[in-house]
Amino acid sequence: MGINERNISFISRYNERKRFPLVDNKLLTKRAAEDADIAVPDLLGVMESPYQLRNLSALLEPLEQFVVKPARGSGGKGILVINRREGKNFCKPSGQVLGLRDIRHDISNVLSGVYSLGGKPDLAFIEALVHCTPDLQRYSYEGLPDIRVIIFQGFPVMAMLRCPTHASDGKANLHQGAVGVGIDISTGRALHAVQKHRVIRRHPDTDVDFSNLVIPNWETLLILAASCYELTGLGYQGCDIVIDKNRGPLLLEINARPGLSIQTASGLGLKKRLNAIEELAQDEWDIKKRLDYIMEYFPKQRVKA
């Protein structure tokens, strides 16, 4: 499926504009998810104005690890990950050391709209750092892998694991050089891996083979992803999920305009699956019935060489 068909036949048709503000603001999404009992990383603080930066030192003082995010950012821009402290300094997963002044400057840029959609003033929020399960962390470098699931009319139809690399600066962003690993929607097993549209078998930094990759807690993850349909009312959306070693699957954000690189990562096209869902007489299927359908009718695939 191409971009024009996605925009006209699915986004415009199934996503009402009035529902976009909820998912275009990550902080609103987080709070709505919490109200709906959908698991998310813990919120540690919010910075809404430059005046609040005077309190930043006190806010960060007890924190050893945290993530700073712009509420309206996109493509991973403006996200700052701190995974340890060295005295009064803060360390990124890459080893780069930052001072309080650097953190304050980063948040100031967020507030001024440097990373926001349309360059409008934004707010920054600080959330707990997710600790990845060891079986997935081995497929990542200097960052946290996440799982993008495409949800159509409440049905999970396609998924991929996005694995950070040195080229992507530890971020799970395919355009910056992360690896996309297509995941079989019915089993959670790896199908196919690409980096910048080139098929690969091993992680470019860790040399770990992707062919044995299996996502843990797969059914729980699919239930969380499918429940985002009821949360947002969006017919076509992308849900980004991480798996914490203690809490299990957590929702990071929801995208009302998910890209199509998931098709390249999976070695599969979306259109056939979307059309199959359109042809169903659904009559308000619950989540269990929707998951039972994809398990039965979306065939299991083999890993591609």
Foldseek 3Di string as FASTA:
>chain_A
DDQVCCVPVALVVFPDPVLVVCFLFQVSVVVLCVVVVAFAFAWQWKFQDLVCLVCVCVSCVVPAWKWKDWRRAPLPPLIFTFNGDDVQWTAALVGDIHHSVVVSVSQVCSQQQVGHVVSHGTMMTMGGDFAADPLCCLQAGRAFKKKKFKAAQLAGQWMWIQHYDVQLVHDSGLVSWTKIFTAFLQFQATAWIDHPLHTDQARPPNRHGRRGDGDPPNVVQSLSVSCVCVSRVGRIKMWIWGQGPPPGIHTRGMGSSDDDCSCSNNVHDRPVRNVVVVPDPCPDDDNVVSSVVCNPPVDGHHHDD
